[in-house]
Amino acid sequence: MKASRDLVLREFVRHRSGLFSLILSLVRDFAFAEEVMQELAVVVCDQWADFAPGTNFQAWAMRIARNKIYNLTREARKVVLLSSEALDAVEKAAAAESRSGWLEAVHHCLEAVEERTRTLLSLRYAKGLSGGEIARRLSMSTPAIHMALSRARTSIGRCVQGRLAGGGGSP
């Protein structure tokens, strides 16, 4: 599935402050960090189609920012205060923090759904059963199972997005 420009721009806006904080921690110069952020915004707008939905947007954007930091420091003959290894460590920490928050949100949202929904999700994703197998096991129609799973995924997705955006989110 390809990313839409709107999705990428929403992700950029959602992660803007975190990205800026990471950039500022790397360059330790507010004006220079703003310049990097502006350059990052331009590249994100130009290369939005390169982002793979479902992957870590912040890590993708930080790779771009890192390249911008190197290019801009070279052009301005500024000194980058951190080594390549340190920059790698910052990127990995940001990616881990992002995954940790996502996993925490998913766990919370799964805990909040009804037991019946959790059972359906478990049969489908933990046990790997097909919609037809679940339908036979629960004496339901296959379309009803597919609809219930679709609603559950939508509900949990909204909940996770709400929690990650700071809104608390509930399924």
C-alpha atoms as a PDB file:
ATOM      1  CA  MET A   1       0.000   0.000   0.000  1.00  0.00           C
ATOM      2  CA  LYS A   2       1.343   3.400  -0.974  1.00  0.00           C
ATOM      3  CA  ALA A   3       1.252   6.405   1.294  1.00  0.00           C
ATOM      4  CA  SER A   4      -1.053   9.265   0.500  1.00  0.00           C
ATOM      5  CA  ARG A   5       0.293  12.797   0.636  1.00  0.00           C
ATOM      6  CA  ASP A   6      -2.331  13.701   3.247  1.00  0.00           C
ATOM      7  CA  LEU A   7      -1.263  10.809   5.483  1.00  0.00           C
ATOM      8  CA  VAL A   8       2.396  11.818   5.317  1.00  0.00           C
ATOM      9  CA  LEU A   9       1.615  15.474   6.007  1.00  0.00           C
ATOM     10  CA  ARG A  10      -0.584  14.533   8.974  1.00  0.00           C
ATOM     11  CA  GLU A  11       2.199  12.342  10.334  1.00  0.00           C
ATOM     12  CA  PHE A  12       4.685  15.177   9.867  1.00  0.00           C
ATOM     13  CA  VAL A  13       2.452  17.589  11.784  1.00  0.00           C
ATOM     14  CA  ARG A  14       1.844  14.990  14.505  1.00  0.00           C
ATOM     15  CA  HIS A  15       5.572  14.313  14.950  1.00  0.00           C
ATOM     16  CA  ARG A  16       6.807  17.863  14.354  1.00  0.00           C
ATOM     17  CA  SER A  17       7.633  18.742  17.951  1.00  0.00           C
ATOM     18  CA  GLY A  18       9.361  15.402  18.598  1.00  0.00           C
ATOM     19  CA  LEU A  19      11.375  15.727  15.401  1.00  0.00           C
ATOM     20  CA  PHE A  20      12.365  19.276  16.257  1.00  0.00           C
ATOM     21  CA  SER A  21      13.443  18.202  19.759  1.00  0.00           C
ATOM     22  CA  LEU A  22      15.599  15.413  18.327  1.00  0.00           C
ATOM     23  CA  ILE A  23      17.133  17.743  15.754  1.00  0.00           C
ATOM     24  CA  LEU A  24      17.817  20.393  18.405  1.00  0.00           C
ATOM     25  CA  SER A  25      19.451  17.783  20.640  1.00  0.00           C
ATOM     26  CA  LEU A  26      21.761  16.885  17.760  1.00  0.00           C
ATOM     27  CA  VAL A  27      22.749  20.371  16.578  1.00  0.00           C
ATOM     28  CA  ARG A  28      22.336  22.343  19.835  1.00  0.00           C
ATOM     29  CA  ASP A  29      21.628  25.562  17.963  1.00  0.00           C
ATOM     30  CA  PHE A  30      18.000  26.708  17.857  1.00  0.00           C
ATOM     31  CA  ALA A  31      18.288  28.710  14.614  1.00  0.00           C
ATOM     32  CA  PHE A  32      20.153  25.886  12.897  1.00  0.00           C
ATOM     33  CA  ALA A  33      17.588  23.353  14.156  1.00  0.00           C
ATOM     34  CA  GLU A  34      14.809  25.496  12.661  1.00  0.00           C
ATOM     35  CA  GLU A  35      16.675  25.588   9.351  1.00  0.00           C
ATOM     36  CA  VAL A  36      17.021  21.793   9.385  1.00  0.00           C
ATOM     37  CA  MET A  37      13.324  21.489  10.246  1.00  0.00           C
ATOM     38  CA  GLN A  38      12.348  23.702   7.302  1.00  0.00           C
ATOM     39  CA  GLU A  39      14.540  21.672   4.967  1.00  0.00           C
ATOM     40  CA  LEU A  40      13.021  18.489   6.389  1.00  0.00           C
ATOM     41  CA  ALA A  41       9.505  19.796   5.696  1.00  0.00           C
ATOM     42  CA  VAL A  42      10.439  20.507   2.075  1.00  0.00           C
ATOM     43  CA  VAL A  43      11.882  17.024   1.562  1.00  0.00           C
ATOM     44  CA  VAL A  44       8.910  15.340   3.270  1.00  0.00           C
ATOM     45  CA  CYS A  45       6.546  17.267   0.969  1.00  0.00           C
ATOM     46  CA  ASP A  46       8.616  16.335  -2.087  1.00  0.00           C
ATOM     47  CA  GLN A  47       9.269  12.693  -1.195  1.00  0.00           C
ATOM     48  CA  TRP A  48       5.998  11.755   0.530  1.00  0.00           C
ATOM     49  CA  ALA A  49       5.507   8.785  -1.812  1.00  0.00           C
ATOM     50  CA  ASP A  50       8.701   7.163  -0.453  1.00  0.00           C
ATOM     51  CA  PHE A  51       7.132   6.676   2.983  1.00  0.00           C
ATOM     52  CA  ALA A  52       5.774   3.153   3.562  1.00  0.00           C
ATOM     53  CA  PRO A  53       2.527   3.242   5.591  1.00  0.00           C
ATOM     54  CA  GLY A  54       2.695   1.110   8.706  1.00  0.00           C
ATOM     55  CA  THR A  55       6.362   1.841   9.240  1.00  0.00           C
ATOM     56  CA  ASN A  56       7.843   4.278  11.733  1.00  0.00           C
ATOM     57  CA  PHE A  57       7.309   7.780  10.343  1.00  0.00           C
ATOM     58  CA  GLN A  58       9.568   9.417  12.922  1.00  0.00           C
ATOM     59  CA  ALA A  59      12.481   7.116  12.051  1.00  0.00           C
ATOM     60  CA  TRP A  60      11.942   7.791   8.313  1.00  0.00           C
ATOM     61  CA  ALA A  61      11.857  11.547   8.878  1.00  0.00           C
ATOM     62  CA  MET A  62      14.918  11.442  11.154  1.00  0.00           C
ATOM     63  CA  ARG A  63      16.932   9.689   8.436  1.00  0.00           C
ATOM     64  CA  ILE A  64      16.052  12.585   6.150  1.00  0.00           C
ATOM     65  CA  ALA A  65      16.857  15.109   8.902  1.00  0.00           C
ATOM     66  CA  ARG A  66      20.191  13.445   9.533  1.00  0.00           C
ATOM     67  CA  ASN A  67      21.140  13.834   5.876  1.00  0.00           C
ATOM     68  CA  LYS A  68      20.024  17.467   5.996  1.00  0.00           C
ATOM     69  CA  ILE A  69      22.139  18.079   9.097  1.00  0.00           C
ATOM     70  CA  TYR A  70      25.207  16.680   7.345  1.00  0.00           C
ATOM     71  CA  ASN A  71      24.560  18.633   4.141  1.00  0.00           C
ATOM     72  CA  LEU A  72      23.818  21.915   5.879  1.00  0.00           C
ATOM     73  CA  THR A  73      26.786  21.624   8.250  1.00  0.00           C
ATOM     74  CA  ARG A  74      29.067  20.912   5.334  1.00  0.00           C
ATOM     75  CA  GLU A  75      27.704  23.892   3.369  1.00  0.00           C
ATOM     76  CA  ALA A  76      27.892  26.242   6.356  1.00  0.00           C
ATOM     77  CA  ARG A  77      31.178  24.763   7.550  1.00  0.00           C
ATOM     78  CA  LYS A  78      29.597  24.082  10.915  1.00  0.00           C
ATOM     79  CA  VAL A  79      30.748  21.314  13.195  1.00  0.00           C
ATOM     80  CA  VAL A  80      28.382  18.471  13.989  1.00  0.00           C
ATOM     81  CA  LEU A  81      28.715  17.837  17.699  1.00  0.00           C
ATOM     82  CA  LEU A  82      27.857  14.146  17.508  1.00  0.00           C
ATOM     83  CA  SER A  83      29.519  11.305  15.674  1.00  0.00           C
ATOM     84  CA  SER A  84      27.754   9.088  13.189  1.00  0.00           C
ATOM     85  CA  GLU A  85      27.488   6.406  15.880  1.00  0.00           C
ATOM     86  CA  ALA A  86      25.837   8.874  18.269  1.00  0.00           C
ATOM     87  CA  LEU A  87      23.374   9.920  15.574  1.00  0.00           C
ATOM     88  CA  ASP A  88      22.561   6.229  14.974  1.00  0.00           C
ATOM     89  CA  ALA A  89      21.939   5.774  18.692  1.00  0.00           C
ATOM     90  CA  VAL A  90      19.579   8.773  18.775  1.00  0.00           C
ATOM     91  CA  GLU A  91      17.662   7.420  15.765  1.00  0.00           C
ATOM     92  CA  LYS A  92      17.356   3.972  17.364  1.00  0.00           C
ATOM     93  CA  ALA A  93      16.210   5.469  20.668  1.00  0.00           C
ATOM     94  CA  ALA A  94      13.575   7.565  18.880  1.00  0.00           C
ATOM     95  CA  ALA A  95      12.355   4.522  16.951  1.00  0.00           C
ATOM     96  CA  ALA A  96      12.192   2.411  20.118  1.00  0.00           C
ATOM     97  CA  GLU A  97      10.323   5.150  21.979  1.00  0.00           C
ATOM     98  CA  SER A  98       7.848   5.428  19.136  1.00  0.00           C
ATOM     99  CA  ARG A  99       7.304   1.636  19.031  1.00  0.00           C
ATOM    100  CA  SER A 100       6.997   1.494  22.809  1.00  0.00           C
ATOM    101  CA  GLY A 101       4.269   4.140  22.790  1.00  0.00           C
ATOM    102  CA  TRP A 102       2.481   2.372  19.962  1.00  0.00           C
ATOM    103  CA  LEU A 103       2.623  -1.003  21.707  1.00  0.00           C
ATOM    104  CA  GLU A 104       1.370   0.534  24.945  1.00  0.00           C
ATOM    105  CA  ALA A 105      -1.529   2.139  23.069  1.00  0.00           C
ATOM    106  CA  VAL A 106      -2.417  -1.142  21.328  1.00  0.00           C
ATOM    107  CA  HIS A 107      -2.319  -3.023  24.636  1.00  0.00           C
ATOM    108  CA  HIS A 108      -4.582  -0.434  26.306  1.00  0.00           C
ATOM    109  CA  CYS A 109      -7.039  -0.466  23.403  1.00  0.00           C
ATOM    110  CA  LEU A 110      -7.187  -4.272  23.290  1.00  0.00           C
ATOM    111  CA  GLU A 111      -7.887  -4.364  27.024  1.00  0.00           C
ATOM    112  CA  ALA A 112     -10.775  -1.936  26.505  1.00  0.00           C
ATOM    113  CA  VAL A 113     -12.689  -4.013  23.923  1.00  0.00           C
ATOM    114  CA  GLU A 114     -15.416  -6.481  24.873  1.00  0.00           C
ATOM    115  CA  GLU A 115     -14.398 -10.035  25.680  1.00  0.00           C
ATOM    116  CA  ARG A 116     -16.242 -11.377  22.622  1.00  0.00           C
ATOM    117  CA  THR A 117     -14.263  -9.041  20.351  1.00  0.00           C
ATOM    118  CA  ARG A 118     -11.012 -10.034  22.040  1.00  0.00           C
ATOM    119  CA  THR A 119     -11.914 -13.696  21.430  1.00  0.00           C
ATOM    120  CA  LEU A 120     -12.510 -13.023  17.717  1.00  0.00           C
ATOM    121  CA  LEU A 121      -9.198 -11.170  17.440  1.00  0.00           C
ATOM    122  CA  SER A 122      -7.373 -13.938  19.271  1.00  0.00           C
ATOM    123  CA  LEU A 123      -8.818 -16.638  17.025  1.00  0.00           C
ATOM    124  CA  ARG A 124      -7.923 -14.673  13.911  1.00  0.00           C
ATOM    125  CA  TYR A 125      -4.496 -13.279  14.779  1.00  0.00           C
ATOM    126  CA  ALA A 126      -3.081 -15.379  17.620  1.00  0.00           C
ATOM    127  CA  LYS A 127      -4.346 -18.738  16.341  1.00  0.00           C
ATOM    128  CA  GLY A 128      -4.315 -17.772  12.653  1.00  0.00           C
ATOM    129  CA  LEU A 129      -7.791 -19.087  11.880  1.00  0.00           C
ATOM    130  CA  SER A 130      -9.602 -17.923   8.743  1.00  0.00           C
ATOM    131  CA  GLY A 131     -12.931 -16.109   8.865  1.00  0.00           C
ATOM    132  CA  GLY A 132     -14.680 -19.315   7.759  1.00  0.00           C
ATOM    133  CA  GLU A 133     -13.004 -21.394  10.478  1.00  0.00           C
ATOM    134  CA  ILE A 134     -13.960 -18.848  13.130  1.00  0.00           C
ATOM    135  CA  ALA A 135     -17.530 -18.749  11.801  1.00  0.00           C
ATOM    136  CA  ARG A 136     -17.838 -22.541  12.070  1.00  0.00           C
ATOM    137  CA  ARG A 137     -16.313 -22.565  15.540  1.00  0.00           C
ATOM    138  CA  LEU A 138     -18.646 -19.829  16.834  1.00  0.00           C
ATOM    139  CA  SER A 139     -21.744 -20.865  14.815  1.00  0.00           C
ATOM    140  CA  MET A 140     -21.869 -17.557  12.961  1.00  0.00           C
ATOM    141  CA  SER A 141     -21.866 -16.640   9.293  1.00  0.00           C
ATOM    142  CA  THR A 142     -18.542 -15.896   7.622  1.00  0.00           C
ATOM    143  CA  PRO A 143     -19.697 -12.397   6.526  1.00  0.00           C
ATOM    144  CA  ALA A 144     -20.668 -11.645  10.146  1.00  0.00           C
ATOM    145  CA  ILE A 145     -17.179 -12.647  11.301  1.00  0.00           C
ATOM    146  CA  HIS A 146     -15.537 -10.502   8.633  1.00  0.00           C
ATOM    147  CA  MET A 147     -17.735  -7.544   9.583  1.00  0.00           C
ATOM    148  CA  ALA A 148     -17.009  -7.982  13.304  1.00  0.00           C
ATOM    149  CA  LEU A 149     -13.263  -8.195  12.659  1.00  0.00           C
ATOM    150  CA  SER A 150     -13.397  -5.146  10.404  1.00  0.00           C
ATOM    151  CA  ARG A 151     -15.249  -3.155  13.061  1.00  0.00           C
ATOM    152  CA  ALA A 152     -12.804  -4.306  15.731  1.00  0.00           C
ATOM    153  CA  ARG A 153      -9.777  -3.290  13.644  1.00  0.00           C
ATOM    154  CA  THR A 154     -11.337   0.098  12.879  1.00  0.00           C
ATOM    155  CA  SER A 155     -12.255   0.677  16.508  1.00  0.00           C
ATOM    156  CA  ILE A 156      -8.846  -0.340  17.829  1.00  0.00           C
ATOM    157  CA  GLY A 157      -7.101   1.698  15.127  1.00  0.00           C
ATOM    158  CA  ARG A 158      -9.035   4.815  16.114  1.00  0.00           C
ATOM    159  CA  CYS A 159      -8.313   4.155  19.773  1.00  0.00           C
ATOM    160  CA  VAL A 160      -4.568   3.762  19.122  1.00  0.00           C
ATOM    161  CA  GLN A 161      -4.468   6.924  16.996  1.00  0.00           C
ATOM    162  CA  GLY A 162      -6.331   8.809  19.709  1.00  0.00           C
ATOM    163  CA  ARG A 163      -3.942   7.641  22.426  1.00  0.00           C
ATOM    164  CA  LEU A 164      -0.861   8.434  20.321  1.00  0.00           C
ATOM    165  CA  ALA A 165      -2.253  11.879  19.543  1.00  0.00           C
ATOM    166  CA  GLY A 166      -2.743  12.437  23.257  1.00  0.00           C
ATOM    167  CA  GLY A 167      -6.520  12.234  23.204  1.00  0.00           C
ATOM    168  CA  GLY A 168      -6.796   9.124  25.352  1.00  0.00           C
ATOM    169  CA  GLY A 169      -8.691   7.140  22.701  1.00  0.00           C
ATOM    170  CA  SER A 170     -11.192   4.439  23.489  1.00  0.00           C
ATOM    171  CA  PRO A 171     -12.531   1.713  21.202  1.00  0.00           C
END
